[in-house]
Amino acid sequence: MMKKVREIVYGVALKEVTGTTDYEVGEVVFDSRKAVEGTLFVAVKGVANDGHDYIGSAIAAGCRAIICEKIIDVVEGVNYYVVENSSRALGIIASNFYDNPSEKITLVGVTGTNGKTTTTTLLHQLFSGLGYKSGLLSTVVNKIGDEDIPSTHTTPDPIALNTLLAKMVEEGCEYCFMEVSSHAIHQNRIAGLRFSGAVFTNITHDHLDYHGTFKEYIQAKKAFFDQLPSSAFALTNADDKNGSVMLQNTLAKKSTYGIRSMADYKLRVLENQFSGLVLSIDGTEVWTKLIGDFNAYNLLAVFAVSQLLGQDKIEVLTEMSKLGSVNGRFEYTVSKTGVTAIIDYAHTPDALENVLKTIANIRTGNETVFTVVGCGGDRDKTKRPKMAEIACEMGDRVILTSDNPRTEDPAAIIEDMMAGVGGHNFKKTISITDRKEAIKTAISLSEPGDIILVAGKGHETYQEINGVKHDFDDKAIVNELFIKLEK
């Protein structure tokens, strides 16, 4: 597929052109290792590397078309296109190159600290159940209809993103439900996309290692809503104090959902048990397989989106009762001895608190709740003591362990967490660096009826240590240990 540069830079403000925009390219790349003759190389300033440092390598490989923010050296025969922001230009160019697929599908983006994966996955399940072929772009997996495509990022880069959207359009998908991370918004990965709707779930303490301050984190989320067209809808959680912030400057149609506050879409939790939730949504009673107040919010957001997209209320509520849990989100298994193990992705203070609150609401009070939890390395350190504090205050026994230590010393991460363990909680807290041993210890100490929460990794099937991803699946390990200890 060859296209002239002038076709694919439509909508990009060119500050300077050296050469011609009639040059034809067959691929757009931002990795200089993929730049060859016939490609357009976009020099993007990243977190760790600056693409401008690799323009020479791209030219040496035969590339003759360069998008950049500044021309370092002019090489004869090379076409240079200077832009203000090359990361934003990349998003627009990628959309144009793939014939703007987001304009040919109903694209709904979901952003927030917690609930993005569950909400998008449930929306995909719902609309598939309603008979629509739909796409999904999520942390756990990408989907085109029923086809699974491995996911590497919460929100893919602009080229991967538009490639997937174009394939969805080609395969006949009418809807796509997409997680939109704060990193993706800030890095302009969603530039050039046309959203039909946006959902804000909540915002809590996370990613301050990247954004620097909580205010900057909020502004990154808000920027998504600021960019929406007037034809789109903007749906926010009225129970989150920052929900109204998201709506301040948006041109989109504003709607809210909530359980405690006045909102356009509301529900009441009638029952909350391990068997599921019984909800009253818009006056209609619905049983669902999902568990916990946090899932009540996710389900309400899903219902609200369905109504904003014009779906029949009764058909939607009927289908919602069939929705299943999301991989690694409050997944539970019960051993033959009656010990319940819950696997959850909770890796922020708020998410951990929500899961432990759900357990507290369901438990009888006669059992012991074990919490196995760690914190990721090379990430926001300020949340580490808070995670430990919540685990100690809301659980009966706590085992601090490794998550994905990455390049940090696991023992040092646990030491940071220990700062949140008050003196009165020292006796019920132990540290075991080896995550498998930590899980094994919790199971060994448990008795029939007890509950074990293994938090932090959820759906992940690896543990990252010093740049190497080792096979590690919390759910598989729990099941393996249950079988061994039952013999």
Protein backbone atom coordinates (compact mmCIF):
# COMPACT_ATOMS: atom_id res chain seq x y z
CA MET A 1 0.00 0.00 0.00
CA MET A 2 1.95 3.02 -1.29
CA LYS A 3 0.80 6.50 -0.35
CA LYS A 4 2.16 9.96 -0.97
CA VAL A 5 3.41 11.80 2.09
CA ARG A 6 1.04 14.69 1.45
CA GLU A 7 -1.91 12.27 1.86
CA ILE A 8 -0.78 10.94 5.21
CA VAL A 9 0.32 14.22 6.81
CA TYR A 10 -3.18 15.68 6.35
CA GLY A 11 -4.07 17.41 9.63
CA VAL A 12 -0.44 17.73 10.71
CA ALA A 13 0.91 21.28 10.92
CA LEU A 14 4.15 21.22 8.93
CA LYS A 15 6.56 23.94 10.06
CA GLU A 16 9.08 23.26 7.32
CA VAL A 17 9.49 20.96 4.31
CA THR A 18 12.83 20.12 2.76
CA GLY A 19 12.17 18.04 -0.33
CA THR A 20 8.76 17.02 -1.63
CA THR A 21 5.48 15.82 -0.14
CA ASP A 22 4.84 13.80 -3.32
CA TYR A 23 7.32 11.16 -2.14
CA GLU A 24 5.63 7.74 -1.84
CA VAL A 25 5.97 5.47 1.18
CA GLY A 26 4.66 1.99 1.90
CA GLU A 27 5.04 1.96 5.68
CA VAL A 28 5.24 4.30 8.67
CA VAL A 29 7.77 3.45 11.42
CA PHE A 30 9.14 5.11 14.56
CA ASP A 31 11.79 2.45 15.25
CA SER A 32 14.91 3.21 13.21
CA ARG A 33 15.67 -0.53 13.02
CA LYS A 34 12.58 -0.93 10.85
CA ALA A 35 13.40 2.05 8.62
CA VAL A 36 14.32 1.05 5.06
CA GLU A 37 13.78 2.43 1.57
CA GLY A 38 10.10 3.28 1.10
CA THR A 39 9.36 3.91 4.77
CA LEU A 40 8.49 7.15 6.55
CA PHE A 41 10.51 7.39 9.77
CA VAL A 42 8.97 9.47 12.56
CA ALA A 43 11.59 10.63 15.08
CA VAL A 44 9.76 10.57 18.42
CA LYS A 45 11.15 11.75 21.74
CA GLY A 46 10.47 8.92 24.17
CA VAL A 47 10.94 8.52 27.91
CA ALA A 48 14.33 6.82 27.56
CA ASN A 49 15.39 7.51 23.96
CA ASP A 50 15.08 10.32 21.42
CA GLY A 51 14.30 9.21 17.88
CA HIS A 52 16.21 12.21 16.55
CA ASP A 53 19.42 10.46 17.64
CA TYR A 54 18.64 7.65 15.20
CA ILE A 55 17.76 9.64 12.08
CA GLY A 56 21.23 8.94 10.70
CA SER A 57 20.75 5.19 11.19
CA ALA A 58 17.38 5.34 9.40
CA ILE A 59 18.93 7.20 6.45
CA ALA A 60 21.87 4.77 6.32
CA ALA A 61 19.31 1.94 6.04
CA GLY A 62 17.78 3.58 2.95
CA CYS A 63 14.97 5.67 4.45
CA ARG A 64 14.36 8.88 2.48
CA ALA A 65 11.41 10.42 4.36
CA ILE A 66 11.82 11.82 7.88
CA ILE A 67 9.30 13.44 10.24
CA CYS A 68 11.17 15.37 12.95
CA GLU A 69 10.99 18.34 15.28
CA LYS A 70 14.34 19.65 14.07
CA ILE A 71 16.70 18.93 11.17
CA ILE A 72 20.11 17.98 12.52
CA ASP A 73 21.98 17.39 9.22
CA VAL A 74 20.57 17.71 5.71
CA VAL A 75 21.42 14.69 3.57
CA GLU A 76 20.95 15.09 -0.17
CA GLY A 77 18.02 13.12 -1.55
CA VAL A 78 16.25 12.87 1.83
CA ASN A 79 12.87 14.53 2.43
CA TYR A 80 12.46 16.20 5.81
CA TYR A 81 9.14 17.31 7.31
CA VAL A 82 9.47 19.42 10.46
CA VAL A 83 6.59 19.39 12.97
CA GLU A 84 5.97 20.91 16.40
CA ASN A 85 5.35 17.58 18.16
CA SER A 86 6.41 14.38 16.43
CA SER A 87 4.59 12.03 18.85
CA ARG A 88 1.29 13.78 18.10
CA ALA A 89 2.14 13.80 14.38
CA LEU A 90 2.75 10.04 14.53
CA GLY A 91 -0.78 9.41 15.79
CA ILE A 92 -2.37 11.52 13.05
CA ILE A 93 -0.11 10.05 10.35
CA ALA A 94 -0.81 6.47 11.48
CA SER A 95 -4.56 7.13 11.36
CA ASN A 96 -4.31 8.65 7.87
CA PHE A 97 -2.08 5.85 6.59
CA TYR A 98 -4.66 3.22 7.63
CA ASP A 99 -7.55 5.29 6.19
CA ASN A 100 -8.77 6.57 9.57
CA PRO A 101 -10.37 3.35 10.86
CA SER A 102 -11.63 4.99 14.07
CA GLU A 103 -14.07 6.99 11.94
CA LYS A 104 -15.57 3.75 10.56
CA ILE A 105 -16.25 2.06 13.90
CA THR A 106 -17.94 3.12 17.14
CA LEU A 107 -14.87 3.55 19.36
CA VAL A 108 -15.40 3.90 23.12
CA GLY A 109 -12.43 4.61 25.39
CA VAL A 110 -12.35 3.85 29.11
CA THR A 111 -9.85 5.61 31.39
CA GLY A 112 -9.28 5.67 35.15
CA THR A 113 -6.96 4.17 37.74
CA ASN A 114 -9.06 1.07 38.40
CA GLY A 115 -11.75 -0.72 36.41
CA LYS A 116 -10.54 -0.08 32.86
CA THR A 117 -9.89 -3.72 31.99
CA THR A 118 -13.08 -5.05 33.58
CA THR A 119 -15.30 -2.35 32.04
CA THR A 120 -13.94 -2.73 28.50
CA THR A 121 -14.01 -6.54 28.71
CA LEU A 122 -17.60 -6.56 29.99
CA LEU A 123 -18.63 -4.14 27.23
CA HIS A 124 -17.10 -6.46 24.65
CA GLN A 125 -18.89 -9.44 26.19
CA LEU A 126 -22.18 -7.52 26.33
CA PHE A 127 -22.18 -6.24 22.76
CA SER A 128 -21.02 -9.61 21.46
CA GLY A 129 -23.95 -11.17 23.34
CA LEU A 130 -26.29 -8.59 21.80
CA GLY A 131 -25.21 -9.83 18.37
CA TYR A 132 -22.63 -7.22 17.36
CA LYS A 133 -19.16 -8.13 16.16
CA SER A 134 -16.89 -6.06 18.37
CA GLY A 135 -13.25 -5.35 19.06
CA LEU A 136 -11.42 -5.10 22.38
CA LEU A 137 -8.14 -3.35 23.21
CA SER A 138 -7.15 -4.15 26.80
CA THR A 139 -4.32 -4.88 29.19
CA VAL A 140 -5.13 -8.61 29.24
CA VAL A 141 -5.87 -9.32 25.57
CA ASN A 142 -6.89 -7.66 22.31
CA LYS A 143 -9.82 -9.16 20.45
CA ILE A 144 -11.27 -8.92 16.97
CA GLY A 145 -14.62 -10.64 17.37
CA ASP A 146 -13.72 -13.95 19.05
CA GLU A 147 -10.10 -13.91 17.86
CA ASP A 148 -7.54 -13.31 20.61
CA ILE A 149 -4.47 -11.21 19.85
CA PRO A 150 -1.77 -10.97 22.57
CA SER A 151 -1.55 -7.63 24.37
CA THR A 152 1.77 -6.02 25.34
CA HIS A 153 0.59 -2.61 26.56
CA THR A 154 -2.59 -1.22 28.11
CA THR A 155 -2.83 1.06 25.07
CA PRO A 156 -0.75 0.07 21.99
CA ASP A 157 1.46 2.50 20.06
CA PRO A 158 -0.30 4.51 17.30
CA ILE A 159 0.83 2.22 14.46
CA ALA A 160 -0.19 -1.00 16.25
CA LEU A 161 -3.40 0.68 17.37
CA ASN A 162 -4.47 1.75 13.88
CA THR A 163 -3.39 -1.60 12.42
CA LEU A 164 -5.73 -3.36 14.87
CA LEU A 165 -8.58 -0.90 14.28
CA ALA A 166 -8.20 -1.24 10.50
CA LYS A 167 -8.38 -5.03 10.83
CA MET A 168 -11.50 -4.69 13.01
CA VAL A 169 -13.16 -2.57 10.32
CA GLU A 170 -12.09 -5.02 7.61
CA GLU A 171 -13.52 -7.95 9.63
CA GLY A 172 -16.86 -6.19 10.09
CA CYS A 173 -16.67 -5.00 13.69
CA GLU A 174 -19.22 -2.32 14.53
CA TYR A 175 -17.85 -1.42 17.97
CA CYS A 176 -14.47 -1.30 19.69
CA PHE A 177 -13.99 -0.91 23.43
CA MET A 178 -10.55 0.34 24.41
CA GLU A 179 -8.56 0.96 27.57
CA VAL A 180 -6.97 4.40 27.51
CA SER A 181 -4.07 4.73 29.94
CA SER A 182 -2.73 8.03 31.27
CA HIS A 183 0.65 7.17 29.70
CA ALA A 184 -1.03 6.78 26.30
CA ILE A 185 -2.81 10.11 26.62
CA HIS A 186 0.35 11.93 27.69
CA GLN A 187 2.45 10.26 24.98
CA ASN A 188 -0.13 11.12 22.25
CA ARG A 189 -0.73 7.45 21.39
CA ILE A 190 -4.42 8.23 20.85
CA ALA A 191 -3.80 11.32 18.70
CA GLY A 192 -5.69 11.14 15.42
CA LEU A 193 -8.37 8.77 16.74
CA ARG A 194 -12.04 9.73 16.68
CA PHE A 195 -13.83 8.50 19.80
CA SER A 196 -17.60 8.05 19.91
CA GLY A 197 -17.53 8.01 23.69
CA ALA A 198 -15.29 8.14 26.75
CA VAL A 199 -15.76 6.71 30.25
CA PHE A 200 -14.03 7.84 33.46
CA THR A 201 -14.08 5.19 36.21
CA ASN A 202 -12.09 6.80 39.06
CA ILE A 203 -8.70 8.24 39.88
CA THR A 204 -6.52 7.28 42.83
CA HIS A 205 -2.86 7.12 43.82
CA ASP A 206 -0.83 5.59 40.95
CA HIS A 207 1.80 6.30 38.29
CA LEU A 208 3.33 9.24 40.18
CA ASP A 209 6.73 7.85 39.19
CA TYR A 210 5.80 8.90 35.63
CA HIS A 211 3.52 11.93 36.06
CA GLY A 212 5.35 13.47 39.02
CA THR A 213 2.32 14.87 40.83
CA PHE A 214 -1.28 13.82 41.36
CA LYS A 215 -2.39 17.04 39.64
CA GLU A 216 -0.43 16.09 36.50
CA TYR A 217 -1.97 12.61 36.61
CA ILE A 218 -5.47 14.12 36.74
CA GLN A 219 -4.64 16.50 33.90
CA ALA A 220 -3.49 13.58 31.73
CA LYS A 221 -6.87 11.88 32.19
CA LYS A 222 -8.72 15.14 31.63
CA ALA A 223 -6.88 15.76 28.34
CA PHE A 224 -8.69 12.71 26.90
CA PHE A 225 -12.08 14.34 27.56
CA ASP A 226 -10.91 17.75 26.40
CA GLN A 227 -10.19 16.28 22.96
CA LEU A 228 -13.61 14.65 22.43
CA PRO A 229 -15.79 15.94 19.56
CA SER A 230 -19.29 17.27 20.18
CA SER A 231 -20.74 14.13 18.58
CA ALA A 232 -19.30 11.93 21.36
CA PHE A 233 -20.54 11.21 24.88
CA ALA A 234 -18.52 11.76 28.08
CA LEU A 235 -19.57 9.48 30.94
CA THR A 236 -18.03 9.96 34.40
CA ASN A 237 -18.34 8.45 37.85
CA ALA A 238 -20.28 10.95 39.97
CA ASP A 239 -19.04 9.30 43.18
CA ASP A 240 -15.44 10.22 42.38
CA LYS A 241 -14.67 13.83 43.32
CA ASN A 242 -12.64 14.24 40.12
CA GLY A 243 -15.45 13.00 37.89
CA SER A 244 -16.74 16.54 37.40
CA VAL A 245 -13.21 17.74 36.55
CA MET A 246 -13.21 15.49 33.48
CA LEU A 247 -16.32 17.24 32.16
CA GLN A 248 -15.17 20.85 32.62
CA ASN A 249 -14.00 21.63 29.08
CA THR A 250 -15.35 18.79 27.01
CA LEU A 251 -17.54 19.42 23.97
CA ALA A 252 -19.09 15.96 24.30
CA LYS A 253 -22.54 15.16 25.67
CA LYS A 254 -22.13 14.90 29.47
CA SER A 255 -23.56 12.01 31.52
CA THR A 256 -22.88 10.58 34.96
CA TYR A 257 -23.27 7.29 36.82
CA GLY A 258 -23.08 6.62 40.54
CA ILE A 259 -24.30 4.69 43.55
CA ARG A 260 -24.06 7.29 46.33
CA SER A 261 -24.47 10.57 44.43
CA MET A 262 -27.11 12.11 42.21
CA ALA A 263 -26.43 10.77 38.73
CA ASP A 264 -28.07 10.06 35.38
CA TYR A 265 -27.57 6.31 35.85
CA LYS A 266 -27.92 4.72 39.29
CA LEU A 267 -28.15 1.33 40.96
CA ARG A 268 -28.59 -0.23 44.39
CA VAL A 269 -26.68 -3.27 45.64
CA LEU A 270 -29.27 -5.65 47.06
CA GLU A 271 -26.98 -8.65 47.74
CA ASN A 272 -23.19 -9.13 47.63
CA GLN A 273 -22.00 -12.72 48.05
CA PHE A 274 -19.44 -15.12 46.58
CA SER A 275 -22.27 -16.38 44.38
CA GLY A 276 -22.59 -12.93 42.80
CA LEU A 277 -24.27 -9.55 43.02
CA VAL A 278 -27.98 -8.81 43.03
CA LEU A 279 -28.52 -5.28 41.76
CA SER A 280 -31.41 -2.94 41.15
CA ILE A 281 -30.57 -1.03 37.97
CA ASP A 282 -33.00 1.64 36.84
CA GLY A 283 -35.73 -0.08 38.88
CA THR A 284 -35.09 -3.57 37.50
CA GLU A 285 -33.59 -6.36 39.62
CA VAL A 286 -30.63 -8.16 38.02
CA TRP A 287 -28.42 -11.00 39.25
CA THR A 288 -24.84 -11.05 37.98
CA LYS A 289 -21.92 -13.45 38.38
CA LEU A 290 -19.56 -10.66 39.41
CA ILE A 291 -18.68 -9.88 43.03
CA GLY A 292 -18.07 -6.71 45.03
CA ASP A 293 -19.06 -3.07 45.12
CA PHE A 294 -16.25 -2.15 42.71
CA ASN A 295 -17.84 -4.48 40.15
CA ALA A 296 -21.21 -2.85 40.79
CA TYR A 297 -19.61 0.38 39.52
CA ASN A 298 -18.14 -1.41 36.51
CA LEU A 299 -21.50 -2.96 35.67
CA LEU A 300 -23.30 0.38 36.05
CA ALA A 301 -20.79 2.00 33.69
CA VAL A 302 -21.41 -0.81 31.19
CA PHE A 303 -25.18 -0.33 31.44
CA ALA A 304 -24.84 3.45 31.01
CA VAL A 305 -22.67 3.04 27.89
CA SER A 306 -25.19 0.63 26.39
CA GLN A 307 -27.98 3.16 26.87
CA LEU A 308 -25.90 6.03 25.48
CA LEU A 309 -25.29 3.85 22.43
CA GLY A 310 -29.03 3.31 21.98
CA GLN A 311 -29.39 -0.33 23.08
CA ASP A 312 -32.66 -1.80 24.39
CA LYS A 313 -32.73 -1.69 28.21
CA ILE A 314 -34.38 -5.09 28.79
CA GLU A 315 -32.14 -6.87 26.28
CA VAL A 316 -29.10 -5.31 27.92
CA LEU A 317 -30.12 -6.26 31.47
CA THR A 318 -30.90 -9.81 30.36
CA GLU A 319 -27.47 -10.12 28.74
CA MET A 320 -25.73 -8.54 31.74
CA SER A 321 -26.84 -11.46 33.92
CA LYS A 322 -24.71 -13.72 31.67
CA LEU A 323 -21.50 -11.70 31.88
CA GLY A 324 -18.54 -13.57 33.33
CA SER A 325 -15.62 -12.45 35.47
CA VAL A 326 -12.49 -11.04 33.89
CA ASN A 327 -9.22 -12.96 33.98
CA GLY A 328 -7.26 -12.03 37.11
CA ARG A 329 -9.97 -9.79 38.54
CA PHE A 330 -11.40 -11.25 41.78
CA GLU A 331 -11.08 -14.78 40.43
CA TYR A 332 -11.53 -17.30 43.17
CA THR A 333 -11.01 -21.01 43.65
CA VAL A 334 -11.90 -23.23 46.60
CA SER A 335 -9.73 -26.14 47.76
CA LYS A 336 -11.17 -29.52 48.76
CA THR A 337 -10.50 -28.54 52.36
CA GLY A 338 -12.66 -25.42 52.00
CA VAL A 339 -9.97 -22.74 51.77
CA THR A 340 -10.90 -19.93 49.33
CA ALA A 341 -8.11 -18.31 47.31
CA ILE A 342 -8.80 -15.06 45.46
CA ILE A 343 -6.53 -13.84 42.65
CA ASP A 344 -6.73 -10.14 41.91
CA TYR A 345 -4.72 -7.59 39.93
CA ALA A 346 -5.01 -5.02 42.76
CA HIS A 347 -1.70 -3.14 42.58
CA THR A 348 -2.76 0.28 43.89
CA PRO A 349 -3.81 1.23 47.45
CA ASP A 350 -7.38 1.94 46.35
CA ALA A 351 -7.75 -1.31 44.40
CA LEU A 352 -6.39 -3.36 47.31
CA GLU A 353 -8.75 -1.60 49.71
CA ASN A 354 -11.71 -2.29 47.41
CA VAL A 355 -10.92 -6.00 47.21
CA LEU A 356 -10.42 -6.32 50.97
CA LYS A 357 -13.66 -4.40 51.60
CA THR A 358 -15.48 -6.84 49.34
CA ILE A 359 -14.03 -9.76 51.29
CA ALA A 360 -15.01 -8.07 54.57
CA ASN A 361 -18.60 -7.66 53.34
CA ILE A 362 -18.85 -11.33 52.38
CA ARG A 363 -16.94 -13.11 55.18
CA THR A 364 -18.71 -14.48 58.25
CA GLY A 365 -16.07 -13.19 60.67
CA ASN A 366 -15.05 -16.64 61.92
CA GLU A 367 -12.38 -17.19 59.28
CA THR A 368 -8.86 -15.79 58.88
CA VAL A 369 -8.09 -13.55 55.89
CA PHE A 370 -4.51 -13.91 54.60
CA THR A 371 -3.21 -11.18 52.29
CA VAL A 372 -0.23 -11.98 50.07
CA VAL A 373 0.91 -8.74 48.43
CA GLY A 374 3.96 -7.02 46.96
CA CYS A 375 4.79 -3.89 44.98
CA GLY A 376 6.42 -3.55 41.57
CA GLY A 377 9.99 -2.37 41.16
CA ASP A 378 10.97 0.73 39.17
CA ARG A 379 7.53 2.20 39.83
CA ASP A 380 5.91 4.69 42.21
CA LYS A 381 7.61 4.10 45.58
CA THR A 382 5.26 6.32 47.57
CA LYS A 383 2.42 3.79 47.38
CA ARG A 384 4.46 0.95 48.95
CA PRO A 385 3.89 1.76 52.65
CA LYS A 386 0.23 2.55 51.90
CA MET A 387 -0.28 -0.88 50.33
CA ALA A 388 1.19 -2.59 53.40
CA GLU A 389 -0.84 -0.41 55.78
CA ILE A 390 -4.11 -1.28 54.03
CA ALA A 391 -3.23 -5.00 53.95
CA CYS A 392 -2.50 -4.95 57.70
CA GLU A 393 -5.51 -2.88 58.75
CA MET A 394 -8.01 -4.86 56.68
CA GLY A 395 -6.57 -8.40 56.84
CA ASP A 396 -5.85 -10.83 59.69
CA ARG A 397 -2.47 -12.13 58.48
CA VAL A 398 -0.18 -10.42 55.96
CA ILE A 399 2.67 -11.82 53.90
CA LEU A 400 4.73 -9.17 52.10
CA THR A 401 6.49 -10.57 49.04
CA SER A 402 7.78 -9.81 45.55
CA ASP A 403 5.62 -8.60 42.68
CA ASN A 404 7.62 -7.73 39.55
CA PRO A 405 10.84 -6.44 41.13
CA ARG A 406 12.27 -5.53 37.72
CA THR A 407 15.71 -3.99 38.36
CA GLU A 408 15.21 -3.35 42.09
CA ASP A 409 16.22 -5.54 45.02
CA PRO A 410 13.03 -7.35 46.17
CA ALA A 411 14.14 -7.11 49.81
CA ALA A 412 14.49 -3.32 49.48
CA ILE A 413 10.96 -3.05 48.04
CA ILE A 414 9.59 -5.04 50.96
CA GLU A 415 11.54 -2.81 53.35
CA ASP A 416 9.78 0.22 51.81
CA MET A 417 6.44 -1.51 52.38
CA MET A 418 7.32 -2.29 56.02
CA ALA A 419 7.31 1.45 56.72
CA GLY A 420 3.52 1.23 56.53
CA VAL A 421 3.24 -1.59 59.07
CA GLY A 422 2.35 -0.03 62.41
CA GLY A 423 3.83 -1.46 65.64
CA HIS A 424 0.53 -3.14 66.54
CA ASN A 425 0.62 -5.02 63.22
CA PHE A 426 4.17 -6.39 63.34
CA LYS A 427 3.07 -9.68 64.91
CA LYS A 428 0.68 -10.52 62.09
CA THR A 429 3.07 -9.57 59.28
CA ILE A 430 5.85 -11.67 57.78
CA SER A 431 8.14 -11.09 54.78
CA ILE A 432 8.98 -13.80 52.25
CA THR A 433 10.85 -12.57 49.18
CA ASP A 434 10.10 -15.64 47.04
CA ARG A 435 6.51 -15.16 45.81
CA LYS A 436 5.79 -18.87 45.39
CA GLU A 437 7.01 -19.56 48.93
CA ALA A 438 4.83 -16.71 50.18
CA ILE A 439 1.73 -18.23 48.56
CA LYS A 440 2.70 -21.69 49.82
CA THR A 441 3.09 -20.33 53.37
CA ALA A 442 -0.36 -18.72 53.30
CA ILE A 443 -1.92 -21.97 52.13
CA SER A 444 0.01 -24.02 54.73
CA LEU A 445 -1.12 -21.76 57.57
CA SER A 446 -4.75 -21.66 56.45
CA GLU A 447 -7.55 -23.78 57.86
CA PRO A 448 -10.91 -24.82 56.35
CA GLY A 449 -13.06 -21.75 55.72
CA ASP A 450 -10.15 -19.30 55.60
CA ILE A 451 -9.68 -16.82 52.74
CA ILE A 452 -6.39 -16.09 50.96
CA LEU A 453 -6.03 -12.99 48.79
CA VAL A 454 -3.11 -13.11 46.35
CA ALA A 455 -2.90 -9.55 45.07
CA GLY A 456 -0.93 -7.55 42.54
CA LYS A 457 -0.38 -9.66 39.43
CA GLY A 458 -3.81 -11.02 38.50
CA HIS A 459 -3.79 -12.09 34.85
CA GLU A 460 0.00 -11.82 34.42
CA THR A 461 1.74 -15.09 33.63
CA TYR A 462 5.27 -13.90 34.31
CA GLN A 463 7.47 -12.31 36.94
CA GLU A 464 9.95 -9.72 35.69
CA ILE A 465 13.37 -9.83 37.37
CA ASN A 466 16.35 -7.83 36.04
CA GLY A 467 14.87 -7.48 32.57
CA VAL A 468 13.96 -11.17 32.24
CA LYS A 469 10.37 -12.41 32.31
CA HIS A 470 10.09 -15.74 34.14
CA ASP A 471 7.00 -17.95 33.93
CA PHE A 472 4.83 -17.17 36.95
CA ASP A 473 1.06 -17.46 37.18
CA ASP A 474 -0.55 -16.82 40.58
CA LYS A 475 -3.68 -18.78 39.68
CA ALA A 476 -1.75 -21.79 38.36
CA ILE A 477 0.51 -21.81 41.43
CA VAL A 478 -2.44 -21.64 43.84
CA ASN A 479 -4.15 -24.56 42.08
CA GLU A 480 -0.90 -26.56 42.01
CA LEU A 481 -0.28 -26.00 45.73
CA PHE A 482 -3.90 -26.78 46.63
CA ILE A 483 -3.53 -30.17 44.91
CA LYS A 484 -0.16 -30.93 46.55
CA LEU A 485 -1.26 -29.96 50.04
CA GLU A 486 -4.52 -31.91 49.74
CA LYS A 487 -2.68 -35.20 49.10
